[in-house]
C-alpha atoms as a PDB file:
ATOM      1  CA  MET A   1     -85.926   0.126  -3.328  1.00  0.00           C
ATOM      2  CA  THR A   2     -86.404  -2.013  -6.410  1.00  0.00           C
ATOM      3  CA  ASN A   3     -83.430  -3.718  -8.020  1.00  0.00           C
ATOM      4  CA  PHE A   4     -83.129  -3.947 -11.786  1.00  0.00           C
ATOM      5  CA  TYR A   5     -81.562  -7.006 -13.381  1.00  0.00           C
ATOM      6  CA  THR A   6     -80.384  -8.040 -16.808  1.00  0.00           C
ATOM      7  CA  VAL A   7     -79.984 -11.686 -17.833  1.00  0.00           C
ATOM      8  CA  LEU A   8     -77.495 -12.804 -20.470  1.00  0.00           C
ATOM      9  CA  ASP A   9     -77.270 -16.242 -22.092  1.00  0.00           C
ATOM     10  CA  THR A  10     -73.598 -17.292 -21.954  1.00  0.00           C
ATOM     11  CA  GLY A  11     -74.142 -19.980 -24.603  1.00  0.00           C
ATOM     12  CA  GLN A  12     -72.682 -22.616 -22.284  1.00  0.00           C
ATOM     13  CA  GLY A  13     -75.798 -23.731 -20.399  1.00  0.00           C
ATOM     14  CA  TYR A  14     -75.745 -20.841 -17.942  1.00  0.00           C
ATOM     15  CA  LEU A  15     -77.451 -17.481 -17.619  1.00  0.00           C
ATOM     16  CA  LYS A  16     -75.535 -14.586 -16.082  1.00  0.00           C
ATOM     17  CA  VAL A  17     -77.625 -12.327 -13.792  1.00  0.00           C
ATOM     18  CA  THR A  18     -76.337  -8.749 -13.522  1.00  0.00           C
ATOM     19  CA  ASP A  19     -77.478  -5.865 -11.328  1.00  0.00           C
ATOM     20  CA  ALA A  20     -78.240  -3.262 -13.996  1.00  0.00           C
ATOM     21  CA  GLU A  21     -77.597  -0.259 -11.738  1.00  0.00           C
ATOM     22  CA  LYS A  22     -74.257  -1.408 -10.298  1.00  0.00           C
ATOM     23  CA  GLY A  23     -73.033  -3.334 -13.335  1.00  0.00           C
ATOM     24  CA  VAL A  24     -71.891  -6.338 -11.298  1.00  0.00           C
ATOM     25  CA  GLN A  25     -72.771 -10.001 -11.664  1.00  0.00           C
ATOM     26  CA  VAL A  26     -75.051 -11.058  -8.802  1.00  0.00           C
ATOM     27  CA  GLY A  27     -75.970 -14.603  -9.813  1.00  0.00           C
ATOM     28  CA  THR A  28     -75.786 -17.486 -12.236  1.00  0.00           C
ATOM     29  CA  ILE A  29     -78.607 -19.745 -13.393  1.00  0.00           C
ATOM     30  CA  SER A  30     -77.808 -23.289 -14.503  1.00  0.00           C
ATOM     31  CA  LEU A  31     -80.186 -24.422 -17.227  1.00  0.00           C
ATOM     32  CA  ARG A  32     -81.670 -27.870 -17.878  1.00  0.00           C
ATOM     33  CA  GLY A  33     -81.156 -27.704 -21.627  1.00  0.00           C
ATOM     34  CA  LYS A  34     -80.476 -25.581 -24.690  1.00  0.00           C
ATOM     35  CA  VAL A  35     -81.968 -22.074 -24.744  1.00  0.00           C
ATOM     36  CA  LEU A  36     -84.644 -21.694 -27.450  1.00  0.00           C
ATOM     37  CA  THR A  37     -85.908 -18.186 -26.660  1.00  0.00           C
ATOM     38  CA  PRO A  38     -84.136 -15.143 -25.240  1.00  0.00           C
ATOM     39  CA  PRO A  39     -84.622 -14.610 -21.501  1.00  0.00           C
ATOM     40  CA  VAL A  40     -87.443 -12.190 -20.662  1.00  0.00           C
ATOM     41  CA  VAL A  41     -87.012 -10.264 -17.403  1.00  0.00           C
ATOM     42  CA  ASN A  42     -90.066  -8.941 -15.571  1.00  0.00           C
ATOM     43  CA  GLN A  43     -89.252  -7.278 -12.229  1.00  0.00           C
ATOM     44  CA  ASN A  44     -87.555 -10.042 -10.199  1.00  0.00           C
ATOM     45  CA  GLN A  45     -88.369 -12.984 -12.488  1.00  0.00           C
ATOM     46  CA  CYS A  46     -86.914 -14.356 -15.701  1.00  0.00           C
ATOM     47  CA  ALA A  47     -88.787 -16.561 -18.192  1.00  0.00           C
ATOM     48  CA  LEU A  48     -87.453 -18.525 -21.172  1.00  0.00           C
ATOM     49  CA  THR A  49     -87.903 -21.737 -23.145  1.00  0.00           C
ATOM     50  CA  VAL A  50     -85.343 -24.551 -23.118  1.00  0.00           C
ATOM     51  CA  GLU A  51     -85.046 -27.871 -24.931  1.00  0.00           C
ATOM     52  CA  THR A  52     -83.831 -30.817 -22.855  1.00  0.00           C
ATOM     53  CA  SER A  53     -81.479 -33.511 -24.131  1.00  0.00           C
ATOM     54  CA  SER A  54     -84.522 -35.773 -24.661  1.00  0.00           C
ATOM     55  CA  GLY A  55     -86.113 -33.186 -26.992  1.00  0.00           C
ATOM     56  CA  GLU A  56     -88.763 -32.005 -24.537  1.00  0.00           C
ATOM     57  CA  LYS A  57     -89.450 -28.257 -24.635  1.00  0.00           C
ATOM     58  CA  LEU A  58     -90.000 -26.543 -21.302  1.00  0.00           C
ATOM     59  CA  GLY A  59     -90.940 -23.030 -20.302  1.00  0.00           C
ATOM     60  CA  VAL A  60     -89.121 -22.106 -17.101  1.00  0.00           C
ATOM     61  CA  ILE A  61     -89.432 -19.175 -14.706  1.00  0.00           C
ATOM     62  CA  HIS A  62     -86.591 -18.297 -12.331  1.00  0.00           C
ATOM     63  CA  GLN A  63     -86.440 -15.917  -9.359  1.00  0.00           C
ATOM     64  CA  LEU A  64     -83.855 -13.123  -9.626  1.00  0.00           C
ATOM     65  CA  PRO A  65     -81.133 -12.760  -8.473  1.00  0.00           C
ATOM     66  CA  SER A  66     -81.057 -16.153  -6.697  1.00  0.00           C
ATOM     67  CA  GLY A  67     -81.857 -18.176  -9.839  1.00  0.00           C
ATOM     68  CA  GLN A  68     -84.285 -20.411  -7.945  1.00  0.00           C
ATOM     69  CA  LEU A  69     -86.700 -22.271 -10.246  1.00  0.00           C
ATOM     70  CA  ILE A  70     -90.210 -20.970  -9.534  1.00  0.00           C
ATOM     71  CA  ASN A  71     -92.214 -22.803 -12.195  1.00  0.00           C
ATOM     72  CA  GLN A  72     -91.843 -24.956 -15.291  1.00  0.00           C
ATOM     73  CA  TYR A  73     -94.331 -26.158 -17.896  1.00  0.00           C
ATOM     74  CA  ARG A  74     -94.352 -28.082 -21.169  1.00  0.00           C
ATOM     75  CA  VAL A  75     -94.377 -26.012 -24.330  1.00  0.00           C
END
């Protein structure tokens, strides 16, 4: 069975991961900077762009629902 997730930017440096079928929060992702693009969910991964405190822009990909960082790259 495949799980479906939604990811919401809380505006406070965290992303809230919700199981879309059950409507319950299943995880939280702590970000390394300010969110520049909305989170894009594709199956069990979430991608977005953040800006660090030093001004560096990073694309990050997180595993859902654990929030584990899978990959990051400079934008």
